[in-house]
Amino acid sequence: MSRISIVATAVPREEASAAWLSAAIDAVLDDGEMRATSASHSERLQATDPPARAVDLIEQLI
């Protein structure tokens, strides 16, 4: 199973704004490496059945 690395910046609710969110989305869309990584994970997930895999893992625990 591969690991997905995520780095996020937490923003206090009182500092969150439409402008901040728009800038954050633009930063993600402008990051070629992040886009490529997302595309790779998307292809992997589309080739599998994540809900069924989750059920299998949960059933192994019970």
N, C-alpha and C. Protein backbone atom coordinates (compact mmCIF):
# COMPACT_ATOMS: atom_id res chain seq x y z
N MET A 1 0.85 -1.16 0.00
CA MET A 1 0.00 0.00 0.00
C MET A 1 0.90 1.23 0.00
N SER A 2 0.61 2.17 -0.88
CA SER A 2 1.45 3.37 -0.92
C SER A 2 0.93 4.42 0.05
N ARG A 3 1.80 5.28 0.44
CA ARG A 3 1.43 6.35 1.37
C ARG A 3 1.28 7.65 0.59
N ILE A 4 0.32 8.44 1.00
CA ILE A 4 0.11 9.74 0.38
C ILE A 4 0.64 10.79 1.34
N SER A 5 1.56 11.60 0.86
CA SER A 5 2.09 12.67 1.69
C SER A 5 1.25 13.92 1.49
N ILE A 6 0.80 14.47 2.59
CA ILE A 6 -0.01 15.67 2.53
C ILE A 6 0.56 16.68 3.51
N VAL A 7 0.76 17.86 3.02
CA VAL A 7 1.20 18.95 3.89
C VAL A 7 0.11 20.01 3.81
N ALA A 8 -0.46 20.34 4.92
CA ALA A 8 -1.56 21.30 4.93
C ALA A 8 -1.26 22.41 5.93
N THR A 9 -1.78 23.55 5.62
CA THR A 9 -1.67 24.69 6.51
C THR A 9 -3.03 24.90 7.16
N ALA A 10 -3.08 24.82 8.46
CA ALA A 10 -4.33 25.05 9.17
C ALA A 10 -4.54 26.56 9.29
N VAL A 11 -5.75 26.97 9.04
CA VAL A 11 -6.08 28.39 9.13
C VAL A 11 -7.19 28.56 10.15
N PRO A 12 -6.96 29.38 11.15
CA PRO A 12 -8.03 29.64 12.11
C PRO A 12 -9.27 30.17 11.40
N ARG A 13 -10.43 29.74 11.84
CA ARG A 13 -11.68 30.12 11.19
C ARG A 13 -11.80 31.63 10.98
N GLU A 14 -11.38 32.40 11.97
CA GLU A 14 -11.53 33.85 11.85
C GLU A 14 -10.60 34.46 10.80
N GLU A 15 -9.58 33.71 10.38
CA GLU A 15 -8.67 34.20 9.34
C GLU A 15 -9.01 33.65 7.96
N ALA A 16 -9.89 32.67 7.90
CA ALA A 16 -10.26 32.08 6.62
C ALA A 16 -11.14 33.05 5.84
N SER A 17 -10.90 33.10 4.55
CA SER A 17 -11.69 33.98 3.70
C SER A 17 -11.74 33.39 2.30
N ALA A 18 -12.62 33.92 1.48
CA ALA A 18 -12.70 33.47 0.10
C ALA A 18 -11.38 33.74 -0.62
N ALA A 19 -10.76 34.86 -0.33
CA ALA A 19 -9.48 35.19 -0.96
C ALA A 19 -8.39 34.19 -0.55
N TRP A 20 -8.36 33.83 0.75
CA TRP A 20 -7.37 32.86 1.22
C TRP A 20 -7.58 31.51 0.54
N LEU A 21 -8.84 31.07 0.48
CA LEU A 21 -9.16 29.79 -0.14
C LEU A 21 -8.81 29.80 -1.62
N SER A 22 -9.12 30.88 -2.30
CA SER A 22 -8.80 31.00 -3.72
C SER A 22 -7.29 30.92 -3.94
N ALA A 23 -6.52 31.60 -3.10
CA ALA A 23 -5.05 31.56 -3.22
C ALA A 23 -4.52 30.16 -2.95
N ALA A 24 -5.11 29.46 -1.98
CA ALA A 24 -4.67 28.09 -1.67
C ALA A 24 -4.96 27.15 -2.84
N ILE A 25 -6.13 27.29 -3.45
CA ILE A 25 -6.48 26.46 -4.60
C ILE A 25 -5.54 26.75 -5.76
N ASP A 26 -5.28 28.03 -6.02
CA ASP A 26 -4.35 28.40 -7.09
C ASP A 26 -2.97 27.82 -6.85
N ALA A 27 -2.51 27.84 -5.60
CA ALA A 27 -1.19 27.29 -5.28
C ALA A 27 -1.12 25.81 -5.60
N VAL A 28 -2.19 25.08 -5.29
CA VAL A 28 -2.22 23.64 -5.59
C VAL A 28 -2.24 23.42 -7.09
N LEU A 29 -3.09 24.16 -7.80
CA LEU A 29 -3.21 23.98 -9.25
C LEU A 29 -1.94 24.38 -9.99
N ASP A 30 -1.19 25.32 -9.44
CA ASP A 30 0.04 25.78 -10.09
C ASP A 30 1.24 24.91 -9.77
N ASP A 31 1.11 23.96 -8.85
CA ASP A 31 2.22 23.10 -8.43
C ASP A 31 2.22 21.84 -9.30
N GLY A 32 3.12 21.80 -10.28
CA GLY A 32 3.17 20.68 -11.21
C GLY A 32 3.42 19.35 -10.53
N GLU A 33 4.28 19.33 -9.53
CA GLU A 33 4.57 18.08 -8.82
C GLU A 33 3.32 17.58 -8.08
N MET A 34 2.60 18.50 -7.45
CA MET A 34 1.40 18.10 -6.73
C MET A 34 0.33 17.59 -7.71
N ARG A 35 0.22 18.25 -8.86
CA ARG A 35 -0.73 17.79 -9.89
C ARG A 35 -0.37 16.39 -10.36
N ALA A 36 0.91 16.15 -10.63
CA ALA A 36 1.35 14.83 -11.11
C ALA A 36 1.10 13.76 -10.05
N THR A 37 1.39 14.07 -8.80
CA THR A 37 1.15 13.12 -7.72
C THR A 37 -0.33 12.82 -7.59
N SER A 38 -1.15 13.86 -7.68
CA SER A 38 -2.60 13.68 -7.59
C SER A 38 -3.11 12.82 -8.74
N ALA A 39 -2.61 13.05 -9.94
CA ALA A 39 -3.02 12.26 -11.10
C ALA A 39 -2.65 10.80 -10.91
N SER A 40 -1.46 10.55 -10.38
CA SER A 40 -1.01 9.18 -10.14
C SER A 40 -1.92 8.47 -9.14
N HIS A 41 -2.24 9.16 -8.04
CA HIS A 41 -3.13 8.56 -7.03
C HIS A 41 -4.53 8.37 -7.60
N SER A 42 -4.98 9.30 -8.42
CA SER A 42 -6.31 9.19 -9.03
C SER A 42 -6.39 7.95 -9.92
N GLU A 43 -5.36 7.74 -10.74
CA GLU A 43 -5.34 6.56 -11.61
C GLU A 43 -5.36 5.27 -10.79
N ARG A 44 -4.58 5.25 -9.71
CA ARG A 44 -4.52 4.06 -8.86
C ARG A 44 -5.88 3.79 -8.23
N LEU A 45 -6.53 4.84 -7.73
CA LEU A 45 -7.83 4.66 -7.09
C LEU A 45 -8.91 4.25 -8.09
N GLN A 46 -8.84 4.78 -9.29
CA GLN A 46 -9.83 4.42 -10.31
C GLN A 46 -9.67 2.98 -10.77
N ALA A 47 -8.47 2.43 -10.62
CA ALA A 47 -8.21 1.05 -11.03
C ALA A 47 -8.60 0.06 -9.95
N THR A 48 -8.98 0.55 -8.79
CA THR A 48 -9.36 -0.32 -7.69
C THR A 48 -10.77 0.02 -7.23
N ASP A 49 -11.21 -0.64 -6.19
CA ASP A 49 -12.52 -0.36 -5.60
C ASP A 49 -12.29 0.01 -4.14
N PRO A 50 -11.95 1.29 -3.88
CA PRO A 50 -11.62 1.69 -2.50
C PRO A 50 -12.67 1.32 -1.46
N PRO A 51 -13.98 1.50 -1.72
CA PRO A 51 -14.95 1.10 -0.69
C PRO A 51 -14.88 -0.39 -0.37
N ALA A 52 -14.72 -1.23 -1.39
CA ALA A 52 -14.62 -2.67 -1.14
C ALA A 52 -13.35 -2.99 -0.37
N ARG A 53 -12.27 -2.31 -0.69
CA ARG A 53 -11.01 -2.52 0.03
C ARG A 53 -11.17 -2.12 1.49
N ALA A 54 -11.85 -1.01 1.74
CA ALA A 54 -12.09 -0.57 3.11
C ALA A 54 -12.90 -1.60 3.87
N VAL A 55 -13.92 -2.16 3.23
CA VAL A 55 -14.74 -3.20 3.87
C VAL A 55 -13.87 -4.40 4.21
N ASP A 56 -13.03 -4.82 3.27
CA ASP A 56 -12.14 -5.97 3.52
C ASP A 56 -11.24 -5.71 4.73
N LEU A 57 -10.66 -4.52 4.80
CA LEU A 57 -9.76 -4.21 5.91
C LEU A 57 -10.51 -4.16 7.24
N ILE A 58 -11.70 -3.59 7.23
CA ILE A 58 -12.51 -3.53 8.46
C ILE A 58 -12.90 -4.93 8.90
N GLU A 59 -13.30 -5.77 7.95
CA GLU A 59 -13.69 -7.14 8.30
C GLU A 59 -12.53 -7.93 8.87
N GLN A 60 -11.32 -7.62 8.46
CA GLN A 60 -10.15 -8.31 9.01
C GLN A 60 -9.95 -7.94 10.48
N LEU A 61 -10.41 -6.77 10.86
CA LEU A 61 -10.25 -6.31 12.24
C LEU A 61 -11.29 -6.89 13.19
N ILE A 62 -12.43 -7.31 12.64
CA ILE A 62 -13.49 -7.80 13.52
C ILE A 62 -13.61 -9.31 13.48
